[in-house]
Amino acid sequence: MVLALLLVPLVVQAEAQQGKVVDPNGAAIAGATVTAGNRTTLTDAAGHYRIEGSEAIKVRAPGYARSLPATSGDTVRLTPLLPKALYLTVYGIGAPFLRDPALEVIQTNRLNALVVDLKGDRGLIPYPSAVPLAQKAGATKLRTIPDLQQLVASLKARNLYLIARIVVFKDDLLVGLRPDWAVRSGRAVWKDREGLAWIDPFVKEAWDYSLAVAEEAAAAGFDEIQFDYVRFPDATGLSFSQGATEATRVQAITSFLREARRRLAPYNVFTAVDVFGYA
């Protein structure tokens, strides 16, 4: 009988955590995102949340800075934040003669944020990424950020809100490695007005590349991930891996963004999408 009892699996009920999210004046913040591990929930109209899991609570809401980890029962007070940023490309972030004047402009004009290319328009990734495809595609051949975490720490010391820009479906280097993932014109790989190839957004296998870079940025301490070129090319007569109707295109982009939200949930980062830019 004792042995039989030992063989019965124990069901451990996850303990729920709850609390309230408010602004500096104590007013409730509705719709704030609360994270515990890889679980997320939203606060209700009264600012209350309830979430399963024993991990530290992290909170974010549009218009506010991210909270420090909190524990169950805490009233989390978020600080208002309106990012006012400058933008540095893959080249600009690593060149002192460009980066240092930009940081001076930020300080002089009381800006509080910096956008940094971590996967640029030409597919370049300026730091030593551990993502295997980045190395195979030659995306890390131009290394302007020797140590990503060290860079983040130095910029955070200036109290900057950091935004990682990641170009998604416009990626000539990745197409060079995986032409089977490319947008095509007839049988040929299609290229835009800059002579750059694009990834077919229907190819879910290709999504992991940009999302893995986003995870590296989030783990390094970036506050926000800005996905750029999250769209289909605006040219006509193109071929994709499946029929490209309005409904299927919307479904593909929506699914990518859902997957991004799921993958980035444990990091409690903000995500933004920029679909503009010519093809």
Protein backbone atom coordinates (compact mmCIF):
# COMPACT_ATOMS: atom_id res chain seq x y z
CA MET A 1 0.00 0.00 0.00
CA VAL A 2 2.82 2.42 0.88
CA LEU A 3 4.60 1.62 -2.39
CA ALA A 4 1.38 2.16 -4.33
CA LEU A 5 0.95 5.57 -2.77
CA LEU A 6 4.49 6.53 -3.65
CA LEU A 7 3.83 5.67 -7.26
CA VAL A 8 0.81 7.98 -7.50
CA PRO A 9 1.97 11.29 -9.09
CA LEU A 10 1.46 14.33 -6.91
CA VAL A 11 -0.50 17.20 -8.42
CA VAL A 12 0.96 20.50 -7.28
CA GLN A 13 -1.43 23.39 -7.64
CA ALA A 14 0.30 26.54 -8.84
CA GLU A 15 -0.14 29.33 -6.35
CA ALA A 16 -1.81 32.43 -7.67
CA GLN A 17 -0.31 35.87 -7.09
CA GLN A 18 -2.36 39.02 -6.99
CA GLY A 19 -1.90 42.73 -6.48
CA LYS A 20 -2.67 46.13 -7.95
CA VAL A 21 -1.00 48.43 -10.48
CA VAL A 22 -1.31 52.18 -10.01
CA ASP A 23 0.22 55.44 -11.23
CA PRO A 24 2.27 57.78 -8.97
CA ASN A 25 -0.97 59.35 -7.67
CA GLY A 26 -2.44 55.99 -6.74
CA ALA A 27 -4.91 55.86 -9.62
CA ALA A 28 -5.54 52.40 -11.05
CA ILE A 29 -3.92 51.48 -14.37
CA ALA A 30 -6.23 49.26 -16.39
CA GLY A 31 -4.87 46.99 -19.11
CA ALA A 32 -1.31 46.83 -17.73
CA THR A 33 0.56 43.68 -18.73
CA VAL A 34 1.65 41.56 -15.77
CA THR A 35 4.22 38.80 -16.29
CA ALA A 36 5.23 35.86 -14.11
CA GLY A 37 7.72 33.63 -15.92
CA ASN A 38 6.16 32.97 -19.33
CA ARG A 39 2.61 33.71 -18.17
CA THR A 40 0.92 37.04 -18.80
CA THR A 41 -2.33 38.69 -17.81
CA LEU A 42 -3.87 42.15 -17.93
CA THR A 43 -5.06 44.26 -15.02
CA ASP A 44 -8.79 44.91 -14.76
CA ALA A 45 -10.56 48.28 -14.66
CA ALA A 46 -9.59 48.67 -11.00
CA GLY A 47 -5.91 47.89 -11.70
CA HIS A 48 -6.06 44.45 -10.07
CA TYR A 49 -4.31 41.37 -11.39
CA ARG A 50 -4.26 37.67 -10.56
CA ILE A 51 -1.72 35.36 -12.14
CA GLU A 52 -0.52 31.80 -11.62
CA GLY A 53 3.12 31.05 -10.83
CA SER A 54 5.65 31.80 -8.13
CA GLU A 55 8.11 33.82 -10.24
CA ALA A 56 8.72 37.51 -9.56
CA ILE A 57 6.04 39.80 -10.97
CA LYS A 58 6.99 42.25 -13.73
CA VAL A 59 4.66 44.94 -15.02
CA ARG A 60 4.52 47.21 -18.06
CA ALA A 61 1.93 49.56 -19.53
CA PRO A 62 1.95 52.01 -22.47
CA GLY A 63 3.11 55.43 -21.32
CA TYR A 64 4.97 54.08 -18.29
CA ALA A 65 8.42 52.69 -17.57
CA ARG A 66 8.71 48.98 -16.79
CA SER A 67 8.52 48.04 -13.12
CA LEU A 68 11.19 46.35 -11.07
CA PRO A 69 10.34 42.78 -10.02
CA ALA A 70 7.64 42.73 -7.34
CA THR A 71 6.05 40.05 -5.14
CA SER A 72 2.48 38.96 -4.64
CA GLY A 73 0.36 41.44 -2.75
CA ASP A 74 2.45 44.44 -3.74
CA THR A 75 0.93 47.61 -5.07
CA VAL A 76 3.09 48.31 -8.12
CA ARG A 77 3.56 52.00 -8.93
CA LEU A 78 4.55 52.73 -12.51
CA THR A 79 6.43 55.88 -13.47
CA PRO A 80 5.17 57.81 -16.52
CA LEU A 81 7.54 57.71 -19.48
CA LEU A 82 7.29 59.42 -22.88
CA PRO A 83 10.26 58.23 -24.97
CA LYS A 84 11.98 60.93 -27.02
CA ALA A 85 14.68 59.22 -28.99
CA LEU A 86 17.50 59.46 -31.49
CA TYR A 87 18.31 56.62 -33.88
CA LEU A 88 21.68 55.03 -34.58
CA THR A 89 22.27 52.55 -37.39
CA VAL A 90 24.41 49.43 -37.32
CA TYR A 91 27.34 51.70 -38.24
CA GLY A 92 26.46 54.66 -36.03
CA ILE A 93 26.26 52.75 -32.76
CA GLY A 94 29.82 51.48 -33.17
CA ALA A 95 31.46 54.68 -34.43
CA PRO A 96 32.51 57.02 -31.58
CA PHE A 97 32.52 60.03 -33.95
CA LEU A 98 28.79 59.40 -34.55
CA ARG A 99 27.68 57.84 -31.27
CA ASP A 100 29.28 60.34 -28.90
CA PRO A 101 27.78 63.46 -30.57
CA ALA A 102 24.40 61.68 -30.60
CA LEU A 103 24.65 61.08 -26.87
CA GLU A 104 25.56 64.74 -26.39
CA VAL A 105 22.49 65.77 -28.36
CA ILE A 106 20.36 63.53 -26.15
CA GLN A 107 21.76 65.10 -23.00
CA THR A 108 21.65 68.69 -24.26
CA ASN A 109 18.06 68.42 -25.49
CA ARG A 110 16.84 66.36 -22.55
CA LEU A 111 15.91 63.35 -24.62
CA ASN A 112 15.57 60.05 -22.83
CA ALA A 113 15.75 57.22 -25.37
CA LEU A 114 17.90 55.66 -28.08
CA VAL A 115 16.92 53.42 -31.00
CA VAL A 116 19.68 51.02 -32.05
CA ASP A 117 19.81 48.79 -35.14
CA LEU A 118 20.32 45.21 -33.96
CA LYS A 119 19.27 43.77 -37.33
CA GLY A 120 19.40 46.42 -40.00
CA ASP A 121 17.90 46.92 -43.43
CA ARG A 122 20.68 44.91 -45.07
CA GLY A 123 20.46 42.05 -42.57
CA LEU A 124 23.57 43.01 -40.62
CA ILE A 125 23.70 42.17 -36.92
CA PRO A 126 26.39 44.33 -35.26
CA TYR A 127 27.09 42.26 -32.13
CA PRO A 128 28.43 38.69 -31.65
CA SER A 129 25.07 36.95 -31.88
CA ALA A 130 24.87 33.32 -30.82
CA VAL A 131 22.05 32.62 -33.29
CA PRO A 132 23.49 29.97 -35.67
CA LEU A 133 21.79 31.37 -38.79
CA ALA A 134 23.29 34.80 -38.13
CA GLN A 135 26.78 33.39 -38.44
CA LYS A 136 25.98 31.12 -41.39
CA ALA A 137 24.35 33.97 -43.33
CA GLY A 138 27.30 36.30 -42.71
CA ALA A 139 25.10 38.74 -40.76
CA THR A 140 27.75 39.20 -38.04
CA LYS A 141 30.62 39.97 -40.42
CA LEU A 142 30.51 43.68 -39.47
CA ARG A 143 30.93 43.75 -35.69
CA THR A 144 30.47 47.30 -34.41
CA ILE A 145 29.25 46.24 -30.93
CA PRO A 146 31.90 43.98 -29.33
CA ASP A 147 29.81 43.29 -26.20
CA LEU A 148 26.04 43.88 -26.31
CA GLN A 149 25.46 43.63 -22.55
CA GLN A 150 28.31 46.02 -21.84
CA LEU A 151 26.87 48.52 -24.32
CA VAL A 152 23.43 48.26 -22.72
CA ALA A 153 24.92 48.78 -19.25
CA SER A 154 26.79 51.89 -20.38
CA LEU A 155 23.68 53.38 -22.00
CA LYS A 156 21.50 52.47 -19.02
CA ALA A 157 23.97 54.35 -16.82
CA ARG A 158 22.80 57.43 -18.72
CA ASN A 159 19.19 56.60 -17.77
CA LEU A 160 18.25 55.92 -21.40
CA TYR A 161 15.22 53.96 -22.54
CA LEU A 162 16.63 51.53 -25.11
CA ILE A 163 14.81 50.39 -28.24
CA ALA A 164 16.21 47.56 -30.40
CA ARG A 165 15.21 47.91 -34.06
CA ILE A 166 14.96 44.55 -35.83
CA VAL A 167 14.16 44.40 -39.54
CA VAL A 168 12.21 41.19 -40.15
CA PHE A 169 11.17 40.19 -43.68
CA LYS A 170 13.58 42.36 -45.65
CA ASP A 171 16.73 40.25 -45.36
CA ASP A 172 19.06 39.83 -48.33
CA LEU A 173 21.68 37.91 -46.33
CA LEU A 174 19.22 35.31 -45.05
CA VAL A 175 17.83 34.81 -48.57
CA GLY A 176 21.40 34.25 -49.75
CA LEU A 177 21.64 31.38 -47.27
CA ARG A 178 18.09 30.09 -47.73
CA PRO A 179 16.82 31.02 -51.22
CA ASP A 180 13.96 28.58 -50.68
CA TRP A 181 12.53 31.10 -48.19
CA ALA A 182 12.59 33.99 -50.66
CA VAL A 183 9.83 36.05 -52.24
CA ARG A 184 9.99 35.34 -55.96
CA SER A 185 9.11 36.92 -59.26
CA GLY A 186 8.45 33.96 -61.51
CA ARG A 187 11.26 31.53 -60.81
CA ALA A 188 13.81 34.19 -59.85
CA VAL A 189 14.41 35.61 -56.39
CA TRP A 190 12.69 39.01 -56.36
CA LYS A 191 14.65 42.09 -55.27
CA ASP A 192 13.39 45.53 -54.30
CA ARG A 193 14.51 48.95 -55.53
CA GLU A 194 17.62 48.73 -53.35
CA GLY A 195 18.52 45.37 -54.87
CA LEU A 196 17.65 43.52 -51.67
CA ALA A 197 15.74 40.24 -51.35
CA TRP A 198 12.88 39.56 -48.94
CA ILE A 199 11.81 36.56 -46.90
CA ASP A 200 8.38 35.09 -47.65
CA PRO A 201 6.29 35.92 -44.52
CA PHE A 202 4.32 32.69 -44.96
CA VAL A 203 7.45 30.63 -44.17
CA LYS A 204 7.07 30.13 -40.41
CA GLU A 205 10.43 28.38 -40.20
CA ALA A 206 12.07 31.72 -41.06
CA TRP A 207 10.35 33.60 -38.22
CA ASP A 208 12.60 32.05 -35.61
CA TYR A 209 15.63 33.96 -36.88
CA SER A 210 14.37 37.47 -36.14
CA LEU A 211 12.63 36.31 -32.96
CA ALA A 212 15.86 34.76 -31.67
CA VAL A 213 17.64 38.09 -32.24
CA ALA A 214 14.81 39.83 -30.40
CA GLU A 215 15.26 37.46 -27.45
CA GLU A 216 18.97 38.27 -27.33
CA ALA A 217 18.16 41.99 -27.27
CA ALA A 218 15.59 41.52 -24.51
CA ALA A 219 17.96 39.37 -22.46
CA ALA A 220 20.67 42.03 -22.80
CA GLY A 221 18.34 44.60 -21.22
CA PHE A 222 16.63 46.51 -24.04
CA ASP A 223 13.32 48.00 -22.91
CA GLU A 224 11.52 47.72 -26.23
CA ILE A 225 11.75 45.69 -29.42
CA GLN A 226 10.75 47.56 -32.58
CA PHE A 227 10.04 45.13 -35.40
CA ASP A 228 10.41 46.85 -38.77
CA TYR A 229 9.35 45.67 -42.27
CA VAL A 230 6.79 43.33 -40.74
CA ARG A 231 4.83 43.18 -43.96
CA PHE A 232 4.66 41.83 -47.47
CA PRO A 233 6.43 43.74 -50.27
CA ASP A 234 4.17 46.28 -51.98
CA ALA A 235 5.22 45.22 -55.50
CA THR A 236 2.90 43.31 -57.83
CA GLY A 237 3.31 40.01 -59.65
CA LEU A 238 5.19 38.28 -56.82
CA SER A 239 5.12 34.60 -55.89
CA PHE A 240 4.84 33.21 -52.36
CA SER A 241 4.72 29.76 -50.81
CA GLN A 242 0.92 29.98 -50.68
CA GLY A 243 -1.86 32.12 -52.10
CA ALA A 244 -1.44 35.74 -50.99
CA THR A 245 -4.94 37.08 -50.46
CA GLU A 246 -5.71 39.92 -48.09
CA ALA A 247 -6.99 37.41 -45.53
CA THR A 248 -3.94 35.13 -45.71
CA ARG A 249 -1.52 38.06 -45.55
CA VAL A 250 -3.23 39.49 -42.48
CA GLN A 251 -3.23 36.04 -40.88
CA ALA A 252 0.50 35.56 -41.51
CA ILE A 253 1.51 38.91 -40.02
CA THR A 254 -0.86 38.54 -37.07
CA SER A 255 0.50 35.07 -36.36
CA PHE A 256 4.08 36.33 -36.44
CA LEU A 257 3.25 39.08 -33.93
CA ARG A 258 1.43 36.63 -31.66
CA GLU A 259 4.49 34.39 -31.69
CA ALA A 260 6.71 37.39 -30.93
CA ARG A 261 4.54 38.29 -27.96
CA ARG A 262 4.69 34.71 -26.68
CA ARG A 263 8.47 34.42 -27.07
CA LEU A 264 9.19 37.78 -25.46
CA ALA A 265 6.71 37.47 -22.58
CA PRO A 266 9.29 36.30 -20.00
CA TYR A 267 11.42 39.39 -20.62
CA ASN A 268 8.63 41.92 -19.93
CA VAL A 269 9.69 44.12 -22.85
CA PHE A 270 7.49 46.41 -24.90
CA THR A 271 7.02 45.53 -28.57
CA ALA A 272 6.32 47.95 -31.39
CA VAL A 273 5.75 47.43 -35.11
CA ASP A 274 6.78 49.66 -38.00
CA VAL A 275 5.37 48.46 -41.32
CA PHE A 276 6.50 51.42 -43.43
CA GLY A 277 9.47 51.68 -45.77
CA TYR A 278 9.51 51.24 -49.50
CA ALA A 279 10.03 47.98 -51.35
